[in-house]
N, C-alpha and C. Protein backbone atom coordinates (compact mmCIF):
# COMPACT_ATOMS: atom_id res chain seq x y z
N MET A 1 0.85 -1.18 0.00
CA MET A 1 0.00 0.00 0.00
C MET A 1 0.90 1.25 0.00
N GLU A 2 0.63 2.15 -0.91
CA GLU A 2 1.43 3.37 -1.02
C GLU A 2 1.13 4.33 0.14
N PRO A 3 2.15 4.99 0.67
CA PRO A 3 1.90 5.95 1.75
C PRO A 3 1.12 7.17 1.26
N ILE A 4 0.24 7.65 2.12
CA ILE A 4 -0.51 8.87 1.83
C ILE A 4 0.00 10.04 2.66
N PHE A 5 0.91 9.73 3.59
CA PHE A 5 1.49 10.77 4.45
C PHE A 5 2.86 10.28 4.90
N VAL A 6 3.84 11.18 4.91
CA VAL A 6 5.20 10.85 5.35
C VAL A 6 5.67 11.93 6.30
N LEU A 7 6.18 11.50 7.46
CA LEU A 7 6.72 12.43 8.44
C LEU A 7 8.21 12.15 8.61
N LYS A 8 9.03 13.18 8.39
CA LYS A 8 10.48 13.05 8.55
C LYS A 8 10.84 13.36 10.00
N MET A 9 11.72 12.53 10.58
CA MET A 9 12.11 12.71 11.97
C MET A 9 13.60 12.37 12.13
N ARG A 10 14.12 12.62 13.32
CA ARG A 10 15.50 12.28 13.65
C ARG A 10 15.54 11.74 15.07
N VAL A 11 16.33 10.70 15.28
CA VAL A 11 16.47 10.10 16.61
C VAL A 11 17.18 11.09 17.54
N ARG A 12 16.61 11.25 18.72
CA ARG A 12 17.24 12.07 19.76
C ARG A 12 18.00 11.14 20.71
N ASP A 13 19.12 11.57 21.18
CA ASP A 13 19.99 10.72 22.01
C ASP A 13 19.24 10.10 23.19
N TYR A 14 18.37 10.86 23.84
CA TYR A 14 17.70 10.36 25.04
C TYR A 14 16.68 9.26 24.75
N GLU A 15 16.40 8.99 23.47
CA GLU A 15 15.47 7.92 23.11
C GLU A 15 16.17 6.55 23.04
N CYS A 16 17.47 6.55 23.23
CA CYS A 16 18.25 5.31 23.11
C CYS A 16 18.52 4.70 24.48
N ASP A 17 18.65 3.38 24.49
CA ASP A 17 18.91 2.66 25.73
C ASP A 17 20.41 2.39 25.90
N ILE A 18 20.74 1.59 26.88
CA ILE A 18 22.14 1.31 27.20
C ILE A 18 22.86 0.62 26.05
N GLN A 19 22.10 -0.04 25.16
CA GLN A 19 22.70 -0.73 24.01
C GLN A 19 23.03 0.23 22.86
N GLY A 20 22.63 1.49 23.02
CA GLY A 20 22.90 2.48 21.98
C GLY A 20 21.93 2.42 20.81
N ILE A 21 20.76 1.84 21.05
CA ILE A 21 19.72 1.77 20.02
C ILE A 21 18.43 2.35 20.59
N VAL A 22 17.52 2.74 19.70
CA VAL A 22 16.24 3.29 20.15
C VAL A 22 15.50 2.22 20.95
N ASN A 23 15.03 2.60 22.13
CA ASN A 23 14.26 1.70 22.97
C ASN A 23 12.98 1.31 22.26
N ASN A 24 12.58 0.05 22.39
CA ASN A 24 11.41 -0.45 21.65
C ASN A 24 10.15 0.36 21.89
N ALA A 25 9.94 0.88 23.09
CA ALA A 25 8.73 1.64 23.40
C ALA A 25 8.66 2.95 22.63
N ILE A 26 9.80 3.49 22.25
CA ILE A 26 9.84 4.78 21.56
C ILE A 26 9.22 4.70 20.17
N TYR A 27 9.33 3.55 19.53
CA TYR A 27 8.76 3.41 18.18
C TYR A 27 7.25 3.66 18.18
N GLN A 28 6.58 3.29 19.27
CA GLN A 28 5.15 3.57 19.37
C GLN A 28 4.90 5.07 19.41
N HIS A 29 5.78 5.81 20.08
CA HIS A 29 5.66 7.28 20.09
C HIS A 29 5.81 7.83 18.67
N TYR A 30 6.77 7.29 17.92
CA TYR A 30 6.98 7.76 16.55
C TYR A 30 5.72 7.55 15.71
N THR A 31 5.12 6.35 15.80
CA THR A 31 3.94 6.08 14.97
C THR A 31 2.75 6.92 15.43
N GLU A 32 2.61 7.10 16.74
CA GLU A 32 1.52 7.93 17.25
C GLU A 32 1.67 9.38 16.79
N HIS A 33 2.88 9.91 16.89
CA HIS A 33 3.12 11.29 16.46
C HIS A 33 2.78 11.47 14.98
N CYS A 34 3.17 10.51 14.17
CA CYS A 34 2.86 10.56 12.73
C CYS A 34 1.35 10.54 12.51
N ARG A 35 0.63 9.64 13.19
CA ARG A 35 -0.83 9.59 13.03
C ARG A 35 -1.46 10.91 13.43
N HIS A 36 -1.02 11.48 14.53
CA HIS A 36 -1.59 12.75 14.99
C HIS A 36 -1.31 13.88 14.00
N GLU A 37 -0.11 13.92 13.45
CA GLU A 37 0.21 14.94 12.44
C GLU A 37 -0.66 14.75 11.20
N PHE A 38 -0.84 13.51 10.77
CA PHE A 38 -1.70 13.21 9.62
C PHE A 38 -3.14 13.63 9.90
N ILE A 39 -3.64 13.26 11.06
CA ILE A 39 -5.03 13.57 11.43
C ILE A 39 -5.23 15.09 11.46
N GLU A 40 -4.24 15.81 11.95
CA GLU A 40 -4.33 17.28 11.98
C GLU A 40 -4.45 17.85 10.57
N THR A 41 -3.76 17.25 9.58
CA THR A 41 -3.86 17.74 8.20
C THR A 41 -5.26 17.54 7.63
N LYS A 42 -6.03 16.67 8.24
CA LYS A 42 -7.40 16.40 7.80
C LYS A 42 -8.41 17.31 8.50
N GLY A 43 -7.91 18.23 9.34
CA GLY A 43 -8.80 19.15 10.03
C GLY A 43 -9.52 18.53 11.21
N ILE A 44 -8.96 17.47 11.75
CA ILE A 44 -9.58 16.79 12.89
C ILE A 44 -8.88 17.24 14.17
N GLU A 45 -9.64 17.69 15.14
CA GLU A 45 -9.12 18.12 16.43
C GLU A 45 -9.69 17.20 17.51
N PHE A 46 -8.81 16.46 18.21
CA PHE A 46 -9.27 15.51 19.22
C PHE A 46 -10.10 16.17 20.32
N ALA A 47 -9.67 17.33 20.82
CA ALA A 47 -10.39 18.00 21.90
C ALA A 47 -11.79 18.40 21.45
N GLU A 48 -11.90 18.89 20.23
CA GLU A 48 -13.21 19.31 19.72
C GLU A 48 -14.12 18.09 19.55
N LEU A 49 -13.59 16.99 19.04
CA LEU A 49 -14.38 15.76 18.93
C LEU A 49 -14.84 15.29 20.30
N HIS A 50 -13.93 15.28 21.27
CA HIS A 50 -14.26 14.84 22.62
C HIS A 50 -15.38 15.68 23.22
N ASN A 51 -15.32 16.98 22.99
CA ASN A 51 -16.37 17.87 23.52
C ASN A 51 -17.74 17.55 22.93
N ARG A 52 -17.75 16.88 21.77
CA ARG A 52 -19.01 16.49 21.14
C ARG A 52 -19.35 15.01 21.39
N GLY A 53 -18.59 14.38 22.31
CA GLY A 53 -18.89 13.00 22.67
C GLY A 53 -18.27 11.96 21.77
N ILE A 54 -17.29 12.35 20.96
CA ILE A 54 -16.62 11.41 20.05
C ILE A 54 -15.17 11.25 20.50
N ASP A 55 -14.81 10.03 20.86
CA ASP A 55 -13.43 9.74 21.24
C ASP A 55 -12.84 8.74 20.26
N VAL A 56 -11.63 9.00 19.82
CA VAL A 56 -10.93 8.13 18.87
C VAL A 56 -9.83 7.44 19.67
N VAL A 57 -9.90 6.09 19.75
CA VAL A 57 -8.98 5.36 20.61
C VAL A 57 -8.33 4.19 19.87
N VAL A 58 -7.17 3.79 20.36
CA VAL A 58 -6.46 2.63 19.81
C VAL A 58 -7.14 1.36 20.32
N ALA A 59 -7.49 0.48 19.40
CA ALA A 59 -8.10 -0.81 19.76
C ALA A 59 -7.08 -1.95 19.68
N ASN A 60 -6.09 -1.81 18.81
CA ASN A 60 -5.09 -2.86 18.64
C ASN A 60 -3.83 -2.25 18.03
N LEU A 61 -2.69 -2.77 18.44
CA LEU A 61 -1.41 -2.29 17.92
C LEU A 61 -0.47 -3.48 17.74
N GLU A 62 0.10 -3.59 16.55
CA GLU A 62 1.09 -4.63 16.26
C GLU A 62 2.33 -3.97 15.69
N MET A 63 3.49 -4.43 16.15
CA MET A 63 4.76 -3.90 15.63
C MET A 63 5.71 -5.06 15.36
N ARG A 64 6.33 -5.00 14.20
CA ARG A 64 7.37 -5.97 13.86
C ARG A 64 8.68 -5.20 13.71
N PHE A 65 9.63 -5.56 14.54
CA PHE A 65 10.91 -4.86 14.56
C PHE A 65 11.89 -5.54 13.61
N LYS A 66 12.50 -4.76 12.73
CA LYS A 66 13.39 -5.29 11.70
C LYS A 66 14.85 -4.87 11.90
N THR A 67 15.07 -3.57 12.05
CA THR A 67 16.42 -3.00 12.20
C THR A 67 16.34 -1.86 13.21
N SER A 68 17.32 -1.76 14.07
CA SER A 68 17.30 -0.71 15.10
C SER A 68 17.77 0.63 14.56
N LEU A 69 17.13 1.67 15.06
CA LEU A 69 17.62 3.03 14.82
C LEU A 69 18.64 3.36 15.90
N ARG A 70 19.55 4.27 15.56
CA ARG A 70 20.62 4.67 16.47
C ARG A 70 20.60 6.20 16.63
N PRO A 71 21.35 6.72 17.60
CA PRO A 71 21.35 8.17 17.81
C PRO A 71 21.62 8.95 16.53
N ARG A 72 20.84 9.98 16.33
CA ARG A 72 20.96 10.94 15.23
C ARG A 72 20.62 10.37 13.86
N ASP A 73 20.09 9.14 13.81
CA ASP A 73 19.61 8.62 12.52
C ASP A 73 18.44 9.46 12.03
N HIS A 74 18.41 9.69 10.74
CA HIS A 74 17.26 10.34 10.10
C HIS A 74 16.36 9.23 9.59
N PHE A 75 15.05 9.43 9.76
CA PHE A 75 14.11 8.40 9.33
C PHE A 75 12.78 9.03 8.95
N GLU A 76 11.96 8.22 8.30
CA GLU A 76 10.62 8.64 7.92
C GLU A 76 9.62 7.65 8.49
N VAL A 77 8.47 8.18 8.88
CA VAL A 77 7.34 7.32 9.23
C VAL A 77 6.36 7.48 8.07
N ARG A 78 6.11 6.38 7.38
CA ARG A 78 5.27 6.38 6.18
C ARG A 78 3.94 5.74 6.53
N LEU A 79 2.86 6.46 6.27
CA LEU A 79 1.53 6.06 6.71
C LEU A 79 0.60 5.80 5.53
N SER A 80 -0.13 4.72 5.61
CA SER A 80 -1.25 4.46 4.71
C SER A 80 -2.40 3.98 5.59
N MET A 81 -3.61 4.02 5.07
CA MET A 81 -4.74 3.59 5.90
C MET A 81 -5.85 3.01 5.06
N GLU A 82 -6.71 2.26 5.75
CA GLU A 82 -7.90 1.68 5.15
C GLU A 82 -8.96 1.55 6.23
N LYS A 83 -10.16 1.26 5.82
CA LYS A 83 -11.25 1.04 6.78
C LYS A 83 -11.65 -0.41 6.70
N SER A 84 -11.86 -1.03 7.85
CA SER A 84 -12.29 -2.42 7.93
C SER A 84 -13.38 -2.50 8.99
N GLY A 85 -14.63 -2.57 8.57
CA GLY A 85 -15.74 -2.54 9.53
C GLY A 85 -15.75 -1.20 10.25
N LEU A 86 -15.69 -1.24 11.57
CA LEU A 86 -15.67 -0.01 12.36
C LEU A 86 -14.25 0.50 12.60
N ARG A 87 -13.27 -0.26 12.17
CA ARG A 87 -11.87 0.07 12.45
C ARG A 87 -11.25 0.90 11.33
N TYR A 88 -10.48 1.90 11.75
CA TYR A 88 -9.61 2.64 10.85
C TYR A 88 -8.24 2.01 11.04
N VAL A 89 -7.73 1.37 10.00
CA VAL A 89 -6.48 0.61 10.11
C VAL A 89 -5.35 1.45 9.51
N PHE A 90 -4.40 1.81 10.38
CA PHE A 90 -3.23 2.58 9.96
C PHE A 90 -2.06 1.63 9.79
N HIS A 91 -1.48 1.62 8.60
CA HIS A 91 -0.27 0.85 8.32
C HIS A 91 0.87 1.86 8.31
N GLN A 92 1.91 1.59 9.09
CA GLN A 92 3.02 2.54 9.17
C GLN A 92 4.35 1.80 9.11
N ASP A 93 5.23 2.31 8.27
CA ASP A 93 6.60 1.82 8.20
C ASP A 93 7.53 2.91 8.71
N ILE A 94 8.45 2.52 9.58
CA ILE A 94 9.51 3.42 10.01
C ILE A 94 10.75 3.01 9.22
N VAL A 95 11.26 3.94 8.42
CA VAL A 95 12.34 3.64 7.48
C VAL A 95 13.51 4.59 7.72
N ARG A 96 14.68 4.01 8.00
CA ARG A 96 15.89 4.84 8.09
C ARG A 96 16.26 5.25 6.68
N VAL A 97 16.47 6.54 6.48
CA VAL A 97 16.76 7.05 5.14
C VAL A 97 18.27 7.02 4.87
N VAL A 98 18.61 7.16 3.61
CA VAL A 98 20.01 7.18 3.19
C VAL A 98 20.72 8.37 3.84
N ASP A 99 21.93 8.12 4.32
CA ASP A 99 22.76 9.17 4.91
C ASP A 99 24.15 9.07 4.28
N PRO A 100 24.41 9.87 3.23
CA PRO A 100 25.68 9.77 2.50
C PRO A 100 26.91 10.00 3.37
N VAL A 101 26.82 10.87 4.36
CA VAL A 101 27.97 11.15 5.22
C VAL A 101 28.29 9.93 6.07
N ARG A 102 27.27 9.36 6.72
CA ARG A 102 27.50 8.18 7.57
C ARG A 102 27.85 6.96 6.73
N ALA A 103 27.41 6.93 5.48
CA ALA A 103 27.69 5.79 4.60
C ALA A 103 29.19 5.66 4.31
N GLN A 104 29.93 6.75 4.46
CA GLN A 104 31.38 6.68 4.23
C GLN A 104 32.05 5.76 5.25
N ALA A 105 31.52 5.74 6.47
CA ALA A 105 32.08 4.89 7.52
C ALA A 105 31.32 3.57 7.67
N ASP A 106 30.03 3.59 7.31
CA ASP A 106 29.19 2.39 7.45
C ASP A 106 28.34 2.25 6.19
N PRO A 107 28.69 1.32 5.32
CA PRO A 107 28.00 1.17 4.03
C PRO A 107 26.50 0.90 4.15
N SER A 108 26.04 0.44 5.31
CA SER A 108 24.60 0.17 5.45
C SER A 108 23.77 1.44 5.33
N TYR A 109 24.40 2.60 5.56
CA TYR A 109 23.68 3.88 5.45
C TYR A 109 23.53 4.34 4.00
N ALA A 110 24.05 3.58 3.06
CA ALA A 110 23.94 3.94 1.64
C ALA A 110 22.60 3.55 1.04
N GLN A 111 21.80 2.84 1.82
CA GLN A 111 20.46 2.46 1.34
C GLN A 111 19.45 2.59 2.47
N GLU A 112 18.19 2.72 2.08
CA GLU A 112 17.12 2.77 3.09
C GLU A 112 17.05 1.44 3.81
N ARG A 113 16.60 1.49 5.08
CA ARG A 113 16.42 0.28 5.86
C ARG A 113 15.07 0.33 6.57
N LEU A 114 14.27 -0.70 6.37
CA LEU A 114 13.01 -0.82 7.12
C LEU A 114 13.36 -1.16 8.56
N CYS A 115 12.88 -0.36 9.49
CA CYS A 115 13.16 -0.58 10.91
C CYS A 115 11.97 -1.22 11.62
N VAL A 116 10.78 -0.71 11.34
CA VAL A 116 9.57 -1.21 12.00
C VAL A 116 8.42 -1.20 11.00
N ARG A 117 7.62 -2.24 11.06
CA ARG A 117 6.36 -2.29 10.32
C ARG A 117 5.26 -2.39 11.38
N ALA A 118 4.36 -1.40 11.39
CA ALA A 118 3.33 -1.33 12.42
C ALA A 118 1.94 -1.29 11.80
N LYS A 119 0.99 -1.84 12.55
CA LYS A 119 -0.42 -1.76 12.17
C LYS A 119 -1.19 -1.37 13.42
N THR A 120 -1.94 -0.29 13.32
CA THR A 120 -2.71 0.21 14.46
C THR A 120 -4.17 0.34 14.06
N ASP A 121 -5.04 -0.30 14.84
CA ASP A 121 -6.48 -0.20 14.62
C ASP A 121 -7.04 0.86 15.55
N ILE A 122 -7.73 1.83 14.97
CA ILE A 122 -8.35 2.92 15.72
C ILE A 122 -9.86 2.77 15.58
N VAL A 123 -10.58 3.04 16.66
CA VAL A 123 -12.04 3.00 16.60
C VAL A 123 -12.60 4.29 17.18
N ALA A 124 -13.85 4.56 16.82
CA ALA A 124 -14.56 5.73 17.35
C ALA A 124 -15.55 5.26 18.42
N VAL A 125 -15.51 5.94 19.54
CA VAL A 125 -16.48 5.70 20.61
C VAL A 125 -17.32 6.97 20.68
N VAL A 126 -18.59 6.83 20.30
CA VAL A 126 -19.50 7.98 20.24
C VAL A 126 -20.49 7.87 21.38
N ASN A 127 -20.45 8.88 22.26
CA ASN A 127 -21.31 8.90 23.45
C ASN A 127 -21.22 7.58 24.22
N GLY A 128 -19.98 7.09 24.36
CA GLY A 128 -19.74 5.90 25.17
C GLY A 128 -19.94 4.57 24.46
N ARG A 129 -20.30 4.60 23.18
CA ARG A 129 -20.55 3.35 22.45
C ARG A 129 -19.67 3.26 21.22
N LEU A 130 -19.15 2.07 20.99
CA LEU A 130 -18.39 1.81 19.77
C LEU A 130 -19.31 2.06 18.59
N SER A 131 -18.90 2.93 17.68
CA SER A 131 -19.80 3.34 16.60
C SER A 131 -19.03 3.65 15.32
N ASP A 132 -19.77 3.63 14.22
CA ASP A 132 -19.24 4.18 12.98
C ASP A 132 -19.32 5.70 13.12
N CYS A 133 -18.41 6.41 12.49
CA CYS A 133 -18.39 7.86 12.60
C CYS A 133 -18.33 8.47 11.20
N PRO A 134 -19.50 8.81 10.63
CA PRO A 134 -19.53 9.37 9.28
C PRO A 134 -18.62 10.59 9.10
N GLU A 135 -18.48 11.39 10.14
CA GLU A 135 -17.62 12.57 10.04
C GLU A 135 -16.16 12.17 9.79
N LEU A 136 -15.68 11.16 10.51
CA LEU A 136 -14.31 10.69 10.29
C LEU A 136 -14.18 10.04 8.92
N ASN A 137 -15.19 9.26 8.53
CA ASN A 137 -15.16 8.63 7.21
C ASN A 137 -14.99 9.68 6.12
N GLU A 138 -15.73 10.77 6.25
CA GLU A 138 -15.67 11.84 5.26
C GLU A 138 -14.29 12.52 5.27
N LYS A 139 -13.80 12.84 6.46
CA LYS A 139 -12.51 13.55 6.54
C LYS A 139 -11.36 12.69 6.06
N PHE A 140 -11.46 11.37 6.29
CA PHE A 140 -10.42 10.46 5.82
C PHE A 140 -10.62 10.04 4.37
N GLY A 141 -11.76 10.41 3.79
CA GLY A 141 -12.05 10.04 2.41
C GLY A 141 -12.34 8.55 2.25
N LEU A 142 -12.96 7.97 3.27
CA LEU A 142 -13.25 6.53 3.26
C LEU A 142 -14.74 6.25 3.12
């Protein structure tokens, strides 16, 4: 599935553990930040939805770890989505991008590397009940 939104990011030193790689929990922050940035581009405001009794929540999250990110790595979170029943399914790849400077010392930086493949199911809870949300369907073009 082709990405419909791409967010460029860089690893911050404090996101790494004693092994010198990004801690596994941080990848969830990366995917969440990307989804929120994407949702904002669609004119969706969580606080405004909540005030009208609509809450958008994570129902399921799966992550497959492929290659670790390291301090100061540049990467992209690539997002695509689909609708399945009441679920909005976000597919996200975290990809380390080519870094010509670092590639001089480490040839692995001469090509992109898939780091994480994630799938997150989001659902709408309207007035306390799991529901379809025509407003979200329209804004997402689904």
